[in-house]
Protein backbone atom coordinates (compact mmCIF):
# COMPACT_ATOMS: atom_id res chain seq x y z
CA UNK A 1 18.10 80.64 -130.66
CA UNK A 2 18.33 84.37 -129.92
CA UNK A 3 17.14 83.94 -126.33
CA UNK A 4 19.70 81.23 -125.69
CA UNK A 5 22.53 83.45 -126.90
CA UNK A 6 21.27 86.32 -124.78
CA UNK A 7 21.15 84.12 -121.66
CA UNK A 8 24.66 82.80 -122.36
CA UNK A 9 25.95 86.36 -122.79
CA UNK A 10 24.35 87.39 -119.48
CA UNK A 11 25.94 84.41 -117.73
CA UNK A 12 29.35 85.32 -119.14
CA UNK A 13 28.82 88.89 -117.99
CA UNK A 14 28.04 87.67 -114.45
CA UNK A 15 31.13 85.44 -114.43
CA UNK A 16 33.32 88.36 -115.53
CA UNK A 17 31.84 90.73 -112.93
CA UNK A 18 34.84 90.38 -110.60
CA UNK A 19 37.41 90.31 -113.41
CA UNK A 20 39.21 93.20 -115.02
CA UNK A 21 41.48 93.34 -118.06
CA UNK A 22 44.09 95.85 -119.22
CA UNK A 23 46.16 95.58 -122.42
CA UNK A 24 49.34 97.37 -123.46
CA UNK A 25 50.00 97.15 -127.19
CA UNK A 26 53.25 97.76 -129.10
CA UNK A 27 55.44 98.35 -126.07
CA UNK A 28 58.98 98.92 -127.44
CA UNK A 29 60.70 96.27 -125.31
CA UNK A 30 61.64 92.77 -126.36
CA UNK A 31 59.11 90.15 -125.24
CA UNK A 32 61.84 88.16 -123.51
CA UNK A 33 62.79 91.05 -121.22
CA UNK A 34 59.13 91.82 -120.50
CA UNK A 35 58.39 88.19 -119.58
CA UNK A 36 61.08 88.33 -116.88
CA UNK A 37 59.19 91.15 -115.17
CA UNK A 38 55.75 89.64 -115.70
CA UNK A 39 56.77 86.30 -114.13
CA UNK A 40 57.41 88.10 -110.83
CA UNK A 41 53.79 89.22 -110.39
CA UNK A 42 51.77 86.29 -111.78
CA UNK A 43 49.32 85.02 -109.16
CA UNK A 44 50.33 87.65 -106.59
CA UNK A 45 47.99 89.91 -104.61
CA UNK A 46 47.69 93.39 -106.20
CA UNK A 47 49.33 95.50 -103.47
CA UNK A 48 52.26 93.12 -103.26
CA UNK A 49 52.59 93.13 -107.07
CA UNK A 50 52.72 96.94 -107.07
CA UNK A 51 55.48 96.84 -104.45
CA UNK A 52 57.45 94.26 -106.45
CA UNK A 53 57.22 96.37 -109.60
CA UNK A 54 57.97 99.66 -107.84
CA UNK A 55 61.24 98.34 -106.36
CA UNK A 56 62.37 96.35 -109.37
CA UNK A 57 65.39 97.70 -111.22
CA UNK A 58 64.20 96.54 -114.65
CA UNK A 59 63.08 99.19 -117.13
CA UNK A 60 60.05 97.14 -118.19
CA UNK A 61 58.69 97.12 -114.61
CA UNK A 62 57.66 100.80 -114.91
CA UNK A 63 55.45 100.02 -117.90
CA UNK A 64 53.94 96.94 -116.25
CA UNK A 65 53.28 98.94 -113.06
CA UNK A 66 51.38 101.55 -115.05
CA UNK A 67 49.40 98.80 -116.79
CA UNK A 68 48.57 97.17 -113.45
CA UNK A 69 47.28 100.50 -112.13
CA UNK A 70 45.12 100.75 -115.24
CA UNK A 71 43.70 97.27 -114.60
CA UNK A 72 42.89 98.25 -111.01
CA UNK A 73 41.14 101.37 -112.26
CA UNK A 74 39.15 99.27 -114.74
CA UNK A 75 38.11 96.96 -111.89
CA UNK A 76 36.96 99.95 -109.82
CA UNK A 77 34.82 101.23 -112.70
CA UNK A 78 33.19 97.82 -113.06
CA UNK A 79 32.58 97.29 -109.32
CA UNK A 80 31.81 100.70 -107.87
CA UNK A 81 29.88 99.25 -104.94
CA UNK A 82 32.84 97.12 -103.73
CA UNK A 83 36.05 98.21 -102.01
CA UNK A 84 39.44 97.03 -103.19
CA UNK A 85 40.62 96.22 -99.65
CA UNK A 86 37.70 93.84 -99.05
CA UNK A 87 37.76 92.15 -102.46
CA UNK A 88 41.29 90.65 -102.28
CA UNK A 89 42.27 91.46 -105.86
CA UNK A 90 45.04 89.36 -107.34
CA UNK A 91 46.75 89.02 -110.70
CA UNK A 92 45.03 86.02 -112.24
CA UNK A 93 46.66 86.02 -115.67
CA UNK A 94 49.50 87.94 -117.23
CA UNK A 95 50.91 87.16 -120.62
CA UNK A 96 53.25 88.73 -123.14
CA UNK A 97 52.89 88.28 -126.88
CA UNK A 98 55.26 89.47 -129.57
CA UNK A 99 54.27 92.70 -131.29
CA UNK A 100 55.38 94.21 -134.55
CA UNK A 101 59.05 94.22 -135.38
CA UNK A 102 60.91 97.17 -136.90
CA UNK A 103 63.63 95.99 -139.25
CA UNK A 104 66.71 98.15 -139.70
CA UNK A 105 70.07 97.72 -141.41
CA UNK A 106 73.37 98.22 -139.61
CA UNK A 107 76.54 98.80 -141.63
CA UNK A 108 78.82 95.78 -141.64
CA UNK A 109 82.30 95.11 -143.06
CA UNK A 110 82.94 94.81 -146.79
CA UNK A 111 79.82 96.68 -147.85
CA UNK A 112 77.36 94.31 -146.23
CA UNK A 113 74.50 95.17 -143.93
CA UNK A 114 73.43 93.28 -140.83
CA UNK A 115 69.74 93.22 -140.06
CA UNK A 116 68.71 94.65 -136.69
CA UNK A 117 65.29 93.61 -135.43
CA UNK A 118 63.78 96.06 -132.96
CA UNK A 119 61.15 94.04 -131.17
CA UNK A 120 57.98 95.13 -129.41
CA UNK A 121 55.35 93.27 -127.42
CA UNK A 122 51.75 93.20 -126.21
CA UNK A 123 51.10 92.73 -122.49
CA UNK A 124 47.74 91.64 -121.06
CA UNK A 125 46.85 91.66 -117.35
CA UNK A 126 43.71 90.01 -115.95
CA UNK A 127 42.76 90.77 -112.35
CA UNK A 128 40.29 88.72 -110.36
CA UNK A 129 38.71 89.00 -106.96
CA UNK A 130 38.95 86.09 -104.54
CA UNK A 131 35.80 87.06 -102.63
CA UNK A 132 33.78 87.23 -105.85
CA UNK A 133 34.93 83.73 -106.82
CA UNK A 134 33.88 82.34 -103.43
CA UNK A 135 30.46 84.00 -103.70
CA UNK A 136 29.97 82.60 -107.22
CA UNK A 137 30.86 79.08 -106.07
CA UNK A 138 28.37 79.37 -103.18
CA UNK A 139 25.62 80.72 -105.47
CA UNK A 140 26.21 77.97 -108.07
CA UNK A 141 25.96 75.18 -105.48
CA UNK A 142 22.64 76.51 -104.11
């Protein structure tokens, strides 16, 4: 049983060799606004995604750009022997989840208080390498 788990873990490690993940937690932007930015870069090649984010006028694009640079850096740490230019990195998955919500009261007429919900979100970026995927498919078929 222990050997089987070890082999499965090694196989998962090999599959994730070309992948890289970066997570941004509790970003003080509403998830809806962040999803608008994230939709622009899903499935896009990394250099093009950086250009899209750099020239976007949305405030959330600065935070996503920084997160994408972090994911690229994580990929470089994992694959020191490979070059980014040759590996064809692309944004495989990007998703935004709701984070914690700060609840505040705003004064309202006649002594009431309206609730203000200050939302935050969690952003996750997964990068993958197209050349690594092709090599894995070739090695699995042989």
